[in-house]
Structure formats: C-alpha cells, structure tokens
Amino acid sequence: MGKLLFWVVLIIAVLFVARIAARMAAARQAGAQTSARRSQPAPAAPESMVRCAHCGIHLPRSEAVLQNGLTWCSAEHAALGKK
C-alpha cells in the first residue's frame, strides 16, 4: 500500500511541475508577442466597400472605377454598362 501511495504522490507532483512549466512558457511567449506587436506599425483603418454595378462583386472603394455616379470593378465592366 505504501508503494502505491508513493507512486500516486509522485505522479501528482510531476503533473503539478509540468503545469507550472507550461504556464511559465505561455507567459514568456505572450511577453514576446507583446513586444513584437509594439514594434509593428498600427494597422490601417478599414476601408469602405462598394458594389460593382455590372457583376455585383464587392471591392474596396480605392480599387473601384467611378463613372457617371456608379461604381465598377474594372473599366471593362464600366464600358459594358449596368446589368
């Protein structure tokens, strides 16, 4: 009975030490990610999306072709006109 109790206590101790080591590794990794985020520039603000009058695809406003008050995904679709 004494040997069984010894092994149970030993297994619990090993699991406890492994859990502490995992928490320390996760904290170290989180600290590295935080410092990496600080060195990166802030992401650009989200851009509004518009819909092509011909095919209906959505694309960023900066990539759209604007003609006659309508938005198009390409000059080709602007030439084809509204669907």
PDB file of N, CA and C in Angstrom:
ATOM      1  N   MET A   1       0.828  -1.188   0.000  1.00  0.00           N
ATOM      2  CA  MET A   1       0.000   0.000   0.000  1.00  0.00           C
ATOM      3  C   MET A   1       0.874   1.254   0.000  1.00  0.00           C
ATOM      4  N   GLY A   2       2.001   1.185   0.692  1.00  0.00           N
ATOM      5  CA  GLY A   2       2.904   2.325   0.773  1.00  0.00           C
ATOM      6  C   GLY A   2       3.523   2.667  -0.575  1.00  0.00           C
ATOM      7  N   LYS A   3       3.833   1.629  -1.389  1.00  0.00           N
ATOM      8  CA  LYS A   3       4.410   1.862  -2.707  1.00  0.00           C
ATOM      9  C   LYS A   3       3.400   2.548  -3.633  1.00  0.00           C
ATOM     10  N   LEU A   4       2.162   2.115  -3.550  1.00  0.00           N
ATOM     11  CA  LEU A   4       1.109   2.697  -4.379  1.00  0.00           C
ATOM     12  C   LEU A   4       0.919   4.172  -4.038  1.00  0.00           C
ATOM     13  N   LEU A   5       0.880   4.489  -2.767  1.00  0.00           N
ATOM     14  CA  LEU A   5       0.739   5.876  -2.335  1.00  0.00           C
ATOM     15  C   LEU A   5       1.919   6.715  -2.801  1.00  0.00           C
ATOM     16  N   PHE A   6       3.129   6.152  -2.732  1.00  0.00           N
ATOM     17  CA  PHE A   6       4.319   6.852  -3.213  1.00  0.00           C
ATOM     18  C   PHE A   6       4.185   7.204  -4.689  1.00  0.00           C
ATOM     19  N   TRP A   7       3.775   6.235  -5.509  1.00  0.00           N
ATOM     20  CA  TRP A   7       3.652   6.484  -6.961  1.00  0.00           C
ATOM     21  C   TRP A   7       2.544   7.498  -7.281  1.00  0.00           C
ATOM     22  N   VAL A   8       1.459   7.460  -6.557  1.00  0.00           N
ATOM     23  CA  VAL A   8       0.373   8.420  -6.767  1.00  0.00           C
ATOM     24  C   VAL A   8       0.863   9.836  -6.455  1.00  0.00           C
ATOM     25  N   VAL A   9       1.554   9.982  -5.326  1.00  0.00           N
ATOM     26  CA  VAL A   9       2.088  11.291  -4.937  1.00  0.00           C
ATOM     27  C   VAL A   9       3.123  11.759  -5.943  1.00  0.00           C
ATOM     28  N   LEU A  10       3.977  10.864  -6.419  1.00  0.00           N
ATOM     29  CA  LEU A  10       4.998  11.207  -7.403  1.00  0.00           C
ATOM     30  C   LEU A  10       4.363  11.661  -8.726  1.00  0.00           C
ATOM     31  N   ILE A  11       3.348  10.977  -9.198  1.00  0.00           N
ATOM     32  CA  ILE A  11       2.664  11.352 -10.441  1.00  0.00           C
ATOM     33  C   ILE A  11       1.999  12.715 -10.295  1.00  0.00           C
ATOM     34  N   ILE A  12       1.346  12.947  -9.171  1.00  0.00           N
ATOM     35  CA  ILE A  12       0.710  14.244  -8.936  1.00  0.00           C
ATOM     36  C   ILE A  12       1.748  15.359  -8.908  1.00  0.00           C
ATOM     37  N   ALA A  13       2.883  15.111  -8.291  1.00  0.00           N
ATOM     38  CA  ALA A  13       3.948  16.120  -8.228  1.00  0.00           C
ATOM     39  C   ALA A  13       4.493  16.423  -9.619  1.00  0.00           C
ATOM     40  N   VAL A  14       4.703  15.392 -10.436  1.00  0.00           N
ATOM     41  CA  VAL A  14       5.204  15.597 -11.804  1.00  0.00           C
ATOM     42  C   VAL A  14       4.191  16.403 -12.626  1.00  0.00           C
ATOM     43  N   LEU A  15       2.916  16.070 -12.511  1.00  0.00           N
ATOM     44  CA  LEU A  15       1.890  16.817 -13.238  1.00  0.00           C
ATOM     45  C   LEU A  15       1.835  18.276 -12.781  1.00  0.00           C
ATOM     46  N   PHE A  16       1.993  18.502 -11.488  1.00  0.00           N
ATOM     47  CA  PHE A  16       1.989  19.851 -10.947  1.00  0.00           C
ATOM     48  C   PHE A  16       3.168  20.663 -11.488  1.00  0.00           C
ATOM     49  N   VAL A  17       4.349  20.072 -11.520  1.00  0.00           N
ATOM     50  CA  VAL A  17       5.534  20.750 -12.042  1.00  0.00           C
ATOM     51  C   VAL A  17       5.374  21.020 -13.543  1.00  0.00           C
ATOM     52  N   ALA A  18       4.829  20.066 -14.283  1.00  0.00           N
ATOM     53  CA  ALA A  18       4.613  20.254 -15.719  1.00  0.00           C
ATOM     54  C   ALA A  18       3.623  21.390 -15.974  1.00  0.00           C
ATOM     55  N   ARG A  19       2.613  21.484 -15.168  1.00  0.00           N
ATOM     56  CA  ARG A  19       1.623  22.557 -15.325  1.00  0.00           C
ATOM     57  C   ARG A  19       2.250  23.925 -15.060  1.00  0.00           C
ATOM     58  N   ILE A  20       3.072  24.017 -14.035  1.00  0.00           N
ATOM     59  CA  ILE A  20       3.757  25.275 -13.728  1.00  0.00           C
ATOM     60  C   ILE A  20       4.693  25.652 -14.875  1.00  0.00           C
ATOM     61  N   ALA A  21       5.420  24.674 -15.415  1.00  0.00           N
ATOM     62  CA  ALA A  21       6.336  24.936 -16.526  1.00  0.00           C
ATOM     63  C   ALA A  21       5.564  25.407 -17.769  1.00  0.00           C
ATOM     64  N   ALA A  22       4.416  24.820 -18.042  1.00  0.00           N
ATOM     65  CA  ALA A  22       3.605  25.231 -19.189  1.00  0.00           C
ATOM     66  C   ALA A  22       3.096  26.655 -19.014  1.00  0.00           C
ATOM     67  N   ARG A  23       2.682  27.010 -17.821  1.00  0.00           N
ATOM     68  CA  ARG A  23       2.225  28.386 -17.564  1.00  0.00           C
ATOM     69  C   ARG A  23       3.354  29.390 -17.744  1.00  0.00           C
ATOM     70  N   MET A  24       4.545  29.037 -17.283  1.00  0.00           N
ATOM     71  CA  MET A  24       5.687  29.936 -17.435  1.00  0.00           C
ATOM     72  C   MET A  24       6.050  30.098 -18.905  1.00  0.00           C
ATOM     73  N   ALA A  25       5.987  29.024 -19.679  1.00  0.00           N
ATOM     74  CA  ALA A  25       6.290  29.097 -21.112  1.00  0.00           C
ATOM     75  C   ALA A  25       5.249  29.940 -21.840  1.00  0.00           C
ATOM     76  N   ALA A  26       3.992  29.793 -21.472  1.00  0.00           N
ATOM     77  CA  ALA A  26       2.933  30.582 -22.104  1.00  0.00           C
ATOM     78  C   ALA A  26       3.092  32.062 -21.766  1.00  0.00           C
ATOM     79  N   ALA A  27       3.459  32.367 -20.534  1.00  0.00           N
ATOM     80  CA  ALA A  27       3.667  33.761 -20.137  1.00  0.00           C
ATOM     81  C   ALA A  27       4.859  34.361 -20.880  1.00  0.00           C
ATOM     82  N   ARG A  28       5.921  33.578 -21.042  1.00  0.00           N
ATOM     83  CA  ARG A  28       7.093  34.038 -21.764  1.00  0.00           C
ATOM     84  C   ARG A  28       6.748  34.303 -23.230  1.00  0.00           C
ATOM     85  N   GLN A  29       5.960  33.405 -23.829  1.00  0.00           N
ATOM     86  CA  GLN A  29       5.564  33.567 -25.232  1.00  0.00           C
ATOM     87  C   GLN A  29       4.644  34.780 -25.391  1.00  0.00           C
ATOM     88  N   ALA A  30       3.739  34.991 -24.468  1.00  0.00           N
ATOM     89  CA  ALA A  30       2.847  36.152 -24.529  1.00  0.00           C
ATOM     90  C   ALA A  30       3.647  37.440 -24.411  1.00  0.00           C
ATOM     91  N   GLY A  31       4.667  37.446 -23.580  1.00  0.00           N
ATOM     92  CA  GLY A  31       5.529  38.619 -23.454  1.00  0.00           C
ATOM     93  C   GLY A  31       6.283  38.898 -24.732  1.00  0.00           C
ATOM     94  N   ALA A  32       6.730  37.867 -25.434  1.00  0.00           N
ATOM     95  CA  ALA A  32       7.434  38.037 -26.705  1.00  0.00           C
ATOM     96  C   ALA A  32       6.488  38.566 -27.776  1.00  0.00           C
ATOM     97  N   GLN A  33       5.247  38.089 -27.785  1.00  0.00           N
ATOM     98  CA  GLN A  33       4.270  38.572 -28.767  1.00  0.00           C
ATOM     99  C   GLN A  33       3.927  40.027 -28.505  1.00  0.00           C
ATOM    100  N   THR A  34       3.829  40.409 -27.253  1.00  0.00           N
ATOM    101  CA  THR A  34       3.508  41.790 -26.912  1.00  0.00           C
ATOM    102  C   THR A  34       4.607  42.726 -27.383  1.00  0.00           C
ATOM    103  N   SER A  35       5.868  42.344 -27.177  1.00  0.00           N
ATOM    104  CA  SER A  35       6.966  43.196 -27.624  1.00  0.00           C
ATOM    105  C   SER A  35       7.048  43.228 -29.139  1.00  0.00           C
ATOM    106  N   ALA A  36       6.685  42.148 -29.809  1.00  0.00           N
ATOM    107  CA  ALA A  36       6.678  42.126 -31.276  1.00  0.00           C
ATOM    108  C   ALA A  36       5.571  43.022 -31.812  1.00  0.00           C
ATOM    109  N   ARG A  37       4.436  43.062 -31.133  1.00  0.00           N
ATOM    110  CA  ARG A  37       3.328  43.924 -31.565  1.00  0.00           C
ATOM    111  C   ARG A  37       3.696  45.396 -31.436  1.00  0.00           C
ATOM    112  N   ARG A  38       4.461  45.720 -30.415  1.00  0.00           N
ATOM    113  CA  ARG A  38       4.846  47.115 -30.215  1.00  0.00           C
ATOM    114  C   ARG A  38       5.742  47.606 -31.342  1.00  0.00           C
ATOM    115  N   SER A  39       6.570  46.736 -31.905  1.00  0.00           N
ATOM    116  CA  SER A  39       7.492  47.150 -32.952  1.00  0.00           C
ATOM    117  C   SER A  39       6.807  47.275 -34.311  1.00  0.00           C
ATOM    118  N   GLN A  40       5.642  46.647 -34.494  1.00  0.00           N
ATOM    119  CA  GLN A  40       4.930  46.727 -35.765  1.00  0.00           C
ATOM    120  C   GLN A  40       4.094  48.007 -35.805  1.00  0.00           C
ATOM    121  N   PRO A  41       3.962  48.609 -36.997  1.00  0.00           N
ATOM    122  CA  PRO A  41       3.112  49.792 -37.097  1.00  0.00           C
ATOM    123  C   PRO A  41       1.642  49.417 -36.924  1.00  0.00           C
ATOM    124  N   ALA A  42       0.861  50.391 -36.541  1.00  0.00           N
ATOM    125  CA  ALA A  42      -0.564  50.160 -36.340  1.00  0.00           C
ATOM    126  C   ALA A  42      -1.227  49.829 -37.672  1.00  0.00           C
ATOM    127  N   PRO A  43      -2.188  48.909 -37.687  1.00  0.00           N
ATOM    128  CA  PRO A  43      -2.860  48.566 -38.940  1.00  0.00           C
ATOM    129  C   PRO A  43      -3.674  49.749 -39.458  1.00  0.00           C
ATOM    130  N   ALA A  44      -3.811  49.811 -40.774  1.00  0.00           N
ATOM    131  CA  ALA A  44      -4.571  50.893 -41.396  1.00  0.00           C
ATOM    132  C   ALA A  44      -6.055  50.759 -41.047  1.00  0.00           C
ATOM    133  N   ALA A  45      -6.739  51.875 -41.079  1.00  0.00           N
ATOM    134  CA  ALA A  45      -8.166  51.881 -40.780  1.00  0.00           C
ATOM    135  C   ALA A  45      -8.908  51.102 -41.865  1.00  0.00           C
ATOM    136  N   PRO A  46      -9.996  50.425 -41.531  1.00  0.00           N
ATOM    137  CA  PRO A  46     -10.744  49.675 -42.531  1.00  0.00           C
ATOM    138  C   PRO A  46     -11.300  50.606 -43.604  1.00  0.00           C
ATOM    139  N   GLU A  47     -11.356  50.091 -44.802  1.00  0.00           N
ATOM    140  CA  GLU A  47     -11.806  50.884 -45.937  1.00  0.00           C
ATOM    141  C   GLU A  47     -13.226  50.477 -46.305  1.00  0.00           C
ATOM    142  N   SER A  48     -14.029  51.429 -46.767  1.00  0.00           N
ATOM    143  CA  SER A  48     -15.407  51.111 -47.137  1.00  0.00           C
ATOM    144  C   SER A  48     -15.423  50.305 -48.432  1.00  0.00           C
ATOM    145  N   MET A  49     -16.409  49.431 -48.527  1.00  0.00           N
ATOM    146  CA  MET A  49     -16.555  48.564 -49.687  1.00  0.00           C
ATOM    147  C   MET A  49     -17.691  49.084 -50.558  1.00  0.00           C
ATOM    148  N   VAL A  50     -17.536  48.923 -51.871  1.00  0.00           N
ATOM    149  CA  VAL A  50     -18.572  49.313 -52.823  1.00  0.00           C
ATOM    150  C   VAL A  50     -18.899  48.114 -53.702  1.00  0.00           C
ATOM    151  N   ARG A  51     -20.041  48.197 -54.379  1.00  0.00           N
ATOM    152  CA  ARG A  51     -20.518  47.086 -55.204  1.00  0.00           C
ATOM    153  C   ARG A  51     -20.451  47.469 -56.671  1.00  0.00           C
ATOM    154  N   CYS A  52     -19.953  46.575 -57.499  1.00  0.00           N
ATOM    155  CA  CYS A  52     -19.892  46.808 -58.941  1.00  0.00           C
ATOM    156  C   CYS A  52     -21.314  46.802 -59.492  1.00  0.00           C
ATOM    157  N   ALA A  53     -21.639  47.790 -60.324  1.00  0.00           N
ATOM    158  CA  ALA A  53     -22.987  47.899 -60.887  1.00  0.00           C
ATOM    159  C   ALA A  53     -23.242  46.818 -61.935  1.00  0.00           C
ATOM    160  N   HIS A  54     -22.197  46.204 -62.463  1.00  0.00           N
ATOM    161  CA  HIS A  54     -22.379  45.187 -63.504  1.00  0.00           C
ATOM    162  C   HIS A  54     -22.448  43.769 -62.916  1.00  0.00           C
ATOM    163  N   CYS A  55     -21.419  43.368 -62.198  1.00  0.00           N
ATOM    164  CA  CYS A  55     -21.358  41.974 -61.726  1.00  0.00           C
ATOM    165  C   CYS A  55     -21.748  41.798 -60.260  1.00  0.00           C
ATOM    166  N   GLY A  56     -21.791  42.882 -59.497  1.00  0.00           N
ATOM    167  CA  GLY A  56     -22.222  42.799 -58.106  1.00  0.00           C
ATOM    168  C   GLY A  56     -21.132  42.458 -57.116  1.00  0.00           C
ATOM    169  N   ILE A  57     -19.903  42.319 -57.572  1.00  0.00           N
ATOM    170  CA  ILE A  57     -18.804  41.993 -56.663  1.00  0.00           C
ATOM    171  C   ILE A  57     -18.519  43.186 -55.764  1.00  0.00           C
ATOM    172  N   HIS A  58     -18.143  42.928 -54.527  1.00  0.00           N
ATOM    173  CA  HIS A  58     -17.771  43.988 -53.595  1.00  0.00           C
ATOM    174  C   HIS A  58     -16.260  44.140 -53.596  1.00  0.00           C
ATOM    175  N   LEU A  59     -15.790  45.381 -53.610  1.00  0.00           N
ATOM    176  CA  LEU A  59     -14.362  45.666 -53.613  1.00  0.00           C
ATOM    177  C   LEU A  59     -14.105  46.961 -52.863  1.00  0.00           C
ATOM    178  N   PRO A  60     -12.868  47.181 -52.415  1.00  0.00           N
ATOM    179  CA  PRO A  60     -12.552  48.417 -51.696  1.00  0.00           C
ATOM    180  C   PRO A  60     -12.773  49.640 -52.594  1.00  0.00           C
ATOM    181  N   ARG A  61     -13.210  50.733 -51.988  1.00  0.00           N
ATOM    182  CA  ARG A  61     -13.506  51.945 -52.741  1.00  0.00           C
ATOM    183  C   ARG A  61     -12.278  52.449 -53.504  1.00  0.00           C
ATOM    184  N   SER A  62     -11.082  52.268 -52.963  1.00  0.00           N
ATOM    185  CA  SER A  62      -9.879  52.762 -53.620  1.00  0.00           C
ATOM    186  C   SER A  62      -9.565  51.991 -54.905  1.00  0.00           C
ATOM    187  N   GLU A  63     -10.057  50.766 -55.047  1.00  0.00           N
ATOM    188  CA  GLU A  63      -9.811  49.969 -56.245  1.00  0.00           C
ATOM    189  C   GLU A  63     -10.929  50.079 -57.274  1.00  0.00           C
ATOM    190  N   ALA A  64     -12.019  50.738 -56.934  1.00  0.00           N
ATOM    191  CA  ALA A  64     -13.175  50.818 -57.823  1.00  0.00           C
ATOM    192  C   ALA A  64     -12.991  51.905 -58.879  1.00  0.00           C
ATOM    193  N   VAL A  65     -13.659  51.698 -60.025  1.00  0.00           N
ATOM    194  CA  VAL A  65     -13.700  52.694 -61.094  1.00  0.00           C
ATOM    195  C   VAL A  65     -15.020  53.442 -60.941  1.00  0.00           C
ATOM    196  N   LEU A  66     -14.944  54.772 -60.825  1.00  0.00           N
ATOM    197  CA  LEU A  66     -16.149  55.583 -60.648  1.00  0.00           C
ATOM    198  C   LEU A  66     -16.461  56.295 -61.957  1.00  0.00           C
ATOM    199  N   GLN A  67     -17.650  56.030 -62.513  1.00  0.00           N
ATOM    200  CA  GLN A  67     -18.083  56.699 -63.733  1.00  0.00           C
ATOM    201  C   GLN A  67     -19.584  56.944 -63.643  1.00  0.00           C
ATOM    202  N   ASN A  68     -19.995  58.159 -64.011  1.00  0.00           N
ATOM    203  CA  ASN A  68     -21.410  58.539 -64.039  1.00  0.00           C
ATOM    204  C   ASN A  68     -22.134  58.232 -62.731  1.00  0.00           C
ATOM    205  N   GLY A  69     -21.458  58.415 -61.626  1.00  0.00           N
ATOM    206  CA  GLY A  69     -22.072  58.206 -60.322  1.00  0.00           C
ATOM    207  C   GLY A  69     -22.218  56.748 -59.926  1.00  0.00           C
ATOM    208  N   LEU A  70     -21.715  55.816 -60.717  1.00  0.00           N
ATOM    209  CA  LEU A  70     -21.784  54.392 -60.391  1.00  0.00           C
ATOM    210  C   LEU A  70     -20.382  53.850 -60.172  1.00  0.00           C
ATOM    211  N   THR A  71     -20.302  52.743 -59.442  1.00  0.00           N
ATOM    212  CA  THR A  71     -19.003  52.123 -59.193  1.00  0.00           C
ATOM    213  C   THR A  71     -18.912  50.833 -59.989  1.00  0.00           C
ATOM    214  N   TRP A  72     -17.713  50.582 -60.503  1.00  0.00           N
ATOM    215  CA  TRP A  72     -17.450  49.403 -61.324  1.00  0.00           C
ATOM    216  C   TRP A  72     -16.186  48.736 -60.813  1.00  0.00           C
ATOM    217  N   CYS A  73     -16.043  47.438 -61.042  1.00  0.00           N
ATOM    218  CA  CYS A  73     -14.846  46.730 -60.592  1.00  0.00           C
ATOM    219  C   CYS A  73     -13.712  46.877 -61.608  1.00  0.00           C
ATOM    220  N   SER A  74     -14.029  47.226 -62.854  1.00  0.00           N
ATOM    221  CA  SER A  74     -12.998  47.413 -63.866  1.00  0.00           C
ATOM    222  C   SER A  74     -13.526  48.324 -64.968  1.00  0.00           C
ATOM    223  N   ALA A  75     -12.618  48.833 -65.784  1.00  0.00           N
ATOM    224  CA  ALA A  75     -13.027  49.699 -66.901  1.00  0.00           C
ATOM    225  C   ALA A  75     -13.840  48.893 -67.907  1.00  0.00           C
ATOM    226  N   GLU A  76     -13.552  47.611 -68.023  1.00  0.00           N
ATOM    227  CA  GLU A  76     -14.302  46.741 -68.944  1.00  0.00           C
ATOM    228  C   GLU A  76     -15.776  46.673 -68.557  1.00  0.00           C
ATOM    229  N   HIS A  77     -16.053  46.510 -67.275  1.00  0.00           N
ATOM    230  CA  HIS A  77     -17.438  46.460 -66.825  1.00  0.00           C
ATOM    231  C   HIS A  77     -18.107  47.826 -66.937  1.00  0.00           C
ATOM    232  N   ALA A  78     -17.332  48.890 -66.773  1.00  0.00           N
ATOM    233  CA  ALA A  78     -17.906  50.220 -66.936  1.00  0.00           C
ATOM    234  C   ALA A  78     -18.329  50.423 -68.386  1.00  0.00           C
ATOM    235  N   ALA A  79     -17.564  49.883 -69.345  1.00  0.00           N
ATOM    236  CA  ALA A  79     -17.902  50.002 -70.749  1.00  0.00           C
ATOM    237  C   ALA A  79     -19.128  49.137 -71.082  1.00  0.00           C
ATOM    238  N   LEU A  80     -19.280  47.982 -70.419  1.00  0.00           N
ATOM    239  CA  LEU A  80     -20.424  47.118 -70.688  1.00  0.00           C
ATOM    240  C   LEU A  80     -21.716  47.707 -70.123  1.00  0.00           C
ATOM    241  N   GLY A  81     -21.622  48.475 -69.085  1.00  0.00           N
ATOM    242  CA  GLY A  81     -22.801  49.116 -68.501  1.00  0.00           C
ATOM    243  C   GLY A  81     -23.465  48.272 -67.435  1.00  0.00           C
ATOM    244  N   LYS A  82     -24.586  48.806 -66.968  1.00  0.00           N
ATOM    245  CA  LYS A  82     -25.331  48.160 -65.880  1.00  0.00           C
ATOM    246  C   LYS A  82     -26.006  46.898 -66.386  1.00  0.00           C
ATOM    247  N   LYS A  83     -26.049  45.878 -65.553  1.00  0.00           N
ATOM    248  CA  LYS A  83     -26.692  44.616 -65.912  1.00  0.00           C
ATOM    249  C   LYS A  83     -28.171  44.655 -65.687  1.00  0.00           C
TER     250      LYS A  83
END
